[in-house]
Amino acid sequence: MGFFSASCSVYRFTLVDEVPQAVWSNLPELLWENRFREIEDTAEERGFGWVSFEDMLDTDFTAGSPVKGRYVTFALRLDTRRISPAVFKKHYRMALRQLEEEIKEKGGKFVSREQKKELSEQVRLRLLSKMLPVPAVFDVAWDMTSGRVYLAAGQNKVRELFSDLFYHTFGLRLELLSPYRLALEQLPREQRHHLETYEPVLFV
């Protein structure tokens, strides 16, 4: 769900580091270097990277400039393949039965643990190569004036992936904007120490 959906979950971040001028000067190139790369013709379980805010298929950012007013806009695309446990179990048992028959024909008695492990990996890779990855897109808006960064997502794993990729792309660390951090910014400096003594209160 993106920013233009009827509703969406949003993570808010603030920048820990000052933004070097080189980041603003090379913004399109930095996004392109860490763009999304298709995994349909591979057996990879996951692929991720930046795409255009306007079009999830646009990895060259030709649909429009990422800079819109005081905001930098782009999106995180995450494609994943998942094998149903029931499907894997079925195909593994079929492959194991065939392997057992082959070993018996050669005079063997049983399938070793190492052979089972190798067979399991072969079945997994074969099934992955037949499954289409499921795409998901998470909008990003970076306020260049305030240093706030907004991610339209609600899962912790996506948040962690986004933070890591953001740092890898721009060399900038993000801090999750918590209520404590917001209060810290709004209170006068001489009153900020009071936050450390507050205790949580339950309202029933």
Protein backbone atom coordinates (compact mmCIF):
# COMPACT_ATOMS: atom_id res chain seq x y z
CA MET A 1 0.00 0.00 0.00
CA GLY A 2 1.46 3.36 -1.03
CA PHE A 3 0.99 6.95 -0.03
CA PHE A 4 -1.89 7.38 -2.48
CA SER A 5 -3.88 4.46 -1.03
CA ALA A 6 -6.98 5.11 1.06
CA SER A 7 -4.90 4.15 4.10
CA CYS A 8 -1.40 2.90 4.75
CA SER A 9 1.08 2.29 7.54
CA VAL A 10 4.05 4.64 7.62
CA TYR A 11 7.45 4.46 9.28
CA ARG A 12 9.00 7.83 10.05
CA PHE A 13 12.75 8.31 10.26
CA THR A 14 15.13 11.15 10.90
CA LEU A 15 18.64 11.38 9.54
CA VAL A 16 21.47 10.82 12.00
CA ASP A 17 24.14 12.21 9.66
CA GLU A 18 24.54 15.44 7.73
CA VAL A 19 23.86 14.98 4.02
CA PRO A 20 27.01 15.57 1.93
CA GLN A 21 26.58 17.74 -1.15
CA ALA A 22 27.78 14.79 -3.24
CA VAL A 23 24.58 12.92 -2.36
CA TRP A 24 22.37 15.68 -3.79
CA SER A 25 24.61 16.03 -6.85
CA ASN A 26 24.62 12.32 -7.66
CA LEU A 27 21.15 11.34 -6.48
CA PRO A 28 19.90 9.70 -9.72
CA GLU A 29 23.17 7.79 -10.14
CA LEU A 30 23.10 6.52 -6.54
CA LEU A 31 19.54 5.26 -6.95
CA TRP A 32 20.39 3.63 -10.28
CA GLU A 33 23.44 1.85 -8.83
CA ASN A 34 21.18 0.23 -6.24
CA ARG A 35 18.19 -0.30 -8.54
CA PHE A 36 15.98 -3.37 -8.48
CA ARG A 37 17.14 -6.27 -10.64
CA GLU A 38 14.70 -8.88 -11.92
CA ILE A 39 14.95 -12.44 -10.53
CA GLU A 40 12.38 -14.14 -12.76
CA ASP A 41 15.06 -15.93 -14.79
CA THR A 42 16.96 -17.07 -11.70
CA ALA A 43 16.31 -19.33 -8.73
CA GLU A 44 16.82 -16.51 -6.24
CA GLU A 45 14.29 -16.40 -3.41
CA ARG A 46 14.46 -12.63 -3.00
CA GLY A 47 15.35 -9.56 -5.01
CA PHE A 48 15.16 -5.94 -3.92
CA GLY A 49 16.23 -2.44 -4.91
CA TRP A 50 15.01 1.04 -5.80
CA VAL A 51 12.48 1.78 -8.52
CA SER A 52 10.72 4.91 -9.74
CA PHE A 53 7.98 6.32 -7.51
CA GLU A 54 5.67 6.48 -10.54
CA ASP A 55 6.30 3.01 -12.00
CA MET A 56 7.55 -0.15 -10.31
CA LEU A 57 8.87 -1.38 -13.68
CA ASP A 58 11.00 1.72 -14.17
CA THR A 59 14.44 0.88 -12.80
CA ASP A 60 16.16 3.56 -14.89
CA PHE A 61 14.11 6.38 -13.35
CA THR A 62 12.98 7.71 -16.70
CA ALA A 63 9.32 8.17 -15.69
CA GLY A 64 10.19 11.38 -13.88
CA SER A 65 12.70 13.10 -11.68
CA PRO A 66 12.91 11.73 -8.14
CA VAL A 67 13.04 15.33 -6.88
CA LYS A 68 9.57 16.83 -6.44
CA GLY A 69 9.63 20.17 -4.70
CA ARG A 70 11.35 19.70 -1.37
CA TYR A 71 10.94 15.92 -1.50
CA VAL A 72 12.96 13.09 -3.00
CA THR A 73 10.56 10.32 -4.00
CA PHE A 74 11.32 6.75 -5.02
CA ALA A 75 10.21 3.28 -3.98
CA LEU A 76 11.60 0.06 -2.59
CA ARG A 77 10.63 -2.98 -4.63
CA LEU A 78 10.88 -6.39 -3.00
CA ASP A 79 10.18 -9.58 -4.99
CA THR A 80 9.97 -12.88 -3.12
CA ARG A 81 9.41 -16.51 -3.99
CA ARG A 82 7.79 -18.82 -1.48
CA ILE A 83 7.40 -22.58 -1.74
CA SER A 84 4.38 -24.04 -0.04
CA PRO A 85 5.52 -26.61 2.58
CA ALA A 86 2.93 -29.07 1.25
CA VAL A 87 4.22 -28.67 -2.32
CA PHE A 88 7.82 -29.13 -1.20
CA LYS A 89 6.95 -32.21 0.87
CA LYS A 90 5.19 -33.83 -2.08
CA HIS A 91 8.01 -33.25 -4.57
CA TYR A 92 10.70 -34.20 -2.08
CA ARG A 93 8.99 -37.53 -1.32
CA MET A 94 8.63 -38.23 -5.03
CA ALA A 95 12.32 -37.47 -5.61
CA LEU A 96 13.36 -39.50 -2.57
CA ARG A 97 11.38 -42.53 -3.73
CA GLN A 98 13.04 -42.35 -7.13
CA LEU A 99 16.48 -42.04 -5.54
CA GLU A 100 15.82 -45.05 -3.28
CA GLU A 101 14.89 -47.15 -6.32
CA GLU A 102 18.06 -46.08 -8.15
CA ILE A 103 20.23 -47.00 -5.16
CA LYS A 104 18.58 -50.41 -4.84
CA GLU A 105 19.19 -51.10 -8.53
CA LYS A 106 22.89 -50.40 -7.93
CA GLY A 107 23.01 -52.75 -4.95
CA GLY A 108 22.78 -50.07 -2.26
CA LYS A 109 20.66 -50.39 0.88
CA PHE A 110 19.72 -46.87 1.98
CA VAL A 111 19.95 -43.16 1.26
CA SER A 112 22.56 -41.41 3.39
CA ARG A 113 21.90 -38.24 5.36
CA GLU A 114 24.20 -36.31 3.03
CA GLN A 115 22.32 -37.56 -0.02
CA LYS A 116 18.99 -36.52 1.51
CA LYS A 117 20.36 -33.07 2.25
CA GLU A 118 21.61 -32.68 -1.31
CA LEU A 119 18.31 -33.97 -2.70
CA SER A 120 16.35 -31.49 -0.57
CA GLU A 121 18.38 -28.61 -1.98
CA GLN A 122 17.93 -29.86 -5.55
CA VAL A 123 14.15 -30.06 -5.11
CA ARG A 124 14.04 -26.60 -3.54
CA LEU A 125 15.99 -25.01 -6.39
CA ARG A 126 13.92 -26.81 -9.02
CA LEU A 127 10.66 -25.60 -7.48
CA LEU A 128 11.97 -22.06 -7.05
CA SER A 129 12.91 -21.85 -10.72
CA LYS A 130 9.30 -22.69 -11.66
CA MET A 131 7.65 -20.15 -9.36
CA LEU A 132 7.10 -16.54 -10.32
CA PRO A 133 8.28 -14.06 -7.71
CA VAL A 134 5.59 -11.97 -6.03
CA PRO A 135 6.35 -8.21 -6.18
CA ALA A 136 5.71 -5.69 -3.44
CA VAL A 137 6.39 -1.95 -3.62
CA PHE A 138 6.89 0.45 -0.72
CA ASP A 139 6.81 4.20 -1.40
CA VAL A 140 9.52 6.47 0.00
CA ALA A 141 9.43 10.25 0.53
CA TRP A 142 12.51 12.10 1.80
CA ASP A 143 11.97 15.67 2.99
CA MET A 144 15.18 17.46 2.10
CA THR A 145 14.32 20.41 4.33
CA SER A 146 13.59 18.65 7.61
CA GLY A 147 15.61 15.48 7.06
CA ARG A 148 12.52 13.33 7.63
CA VAL A 149 12.20 10.12 5.65
CA TYR A 150 8.85 8.35 5.27
CA LEU A 151 8.40 4.70 4.28
CA ALA A 152 4.96 3.33 3.41
CA ALA A 153 5.30 -0.06 5.09
CA GLY A 154 4.18 -1.84 8.23
CA GLN A 155 6.53 -4.81 8.59
CA ASN A 156 9.70 -4.76 10.69
CA LYS A 157 11.58 -6.85 8.12
CA VAL A 158 10.83 -4.31 5.40
CA ARG A 159 11.89 -1.46 7.70
CA GLU A 160 15.21 -3.16 8.43
CA LEU A 161 15.81 -3.93 4.76
CA PHE A 162 15.00 -0.33 3.84
CA SER A 163 17.34 1.13 6.48
CA ASP A 164 20.20 -1.11 5.37
CA LEU A 165 19.72 -0.33 1.68
CA PHE A 166 19.35 3.39 2.38
CA TYR A 167 22.68 3.38 4.22
CA HIS A 168 24.33 1.30 1.49
CA THR A 169 23.06 3.74 -1.15
CA PHE A 170 23.64 7.13 0.47
CA GLY A 171 26.00 6.39 3.36
CA LEU A 172 23.44 7.93 5.74
CA ARG A 173 22.10 6.39 8.91
CA LEU A 174 18.41 6.54 9.81
CA GLU A 175 16.85 6.67 13.25
CA LEU A 176 13.26 5.57 13.76
CA LEU A 177 11.23 8.58 14.85
CA SER A 178 9.79 7.49 18.21
CA PRO A 179 7.45 9.51 20.47
CA TYR A 180 10.44 10.05 22.76
CA ARG A 181 12.50 11.54 19.92
CA LEU A 182 9.60 13.79 18.89
CA ALA A 183 9.17 15.05 22.46
CA LEU A 184 12.92 15.58 22.73
CA GLU A 185 12.89 17.82 19.67
CA GLN A 186 9.90 19.90 20.78
CA LEU A 187 10.88 20.53 24.40
CA PRO A 188 13.21 23.42 25.24
CA ARG A 189 16.75 22.25 25.91
CA GLU A 190 16.54 23.05 29.63
CA GLN A 191 13.48 20.79 30.04
CA ARG A 192 14.65 17.77 28.10
CA HIS A 193 16.08 16.04 31.18
CA HIS A 194 12.51 15.59 32.48
CA LEU A 195 11.87 12.95 29.81
CA GLU A 196 14.31 10.60 31.55
CA THR A 197 12.28 10.65 34.77
CA TYR A 198 8.82 10.09 33.27
CA GLU A 199 7.17 6.76 34.04
CA PRO A 200 4.62 5.00 31.82
CA VAL A 201 0.96 5.28 32.87
CA LEU A 202 -1.78 2.79 32.05
CA PHE A 203 -5.21 4.25 31.26
CA VAL A 204 -7.98 1.74 31.94
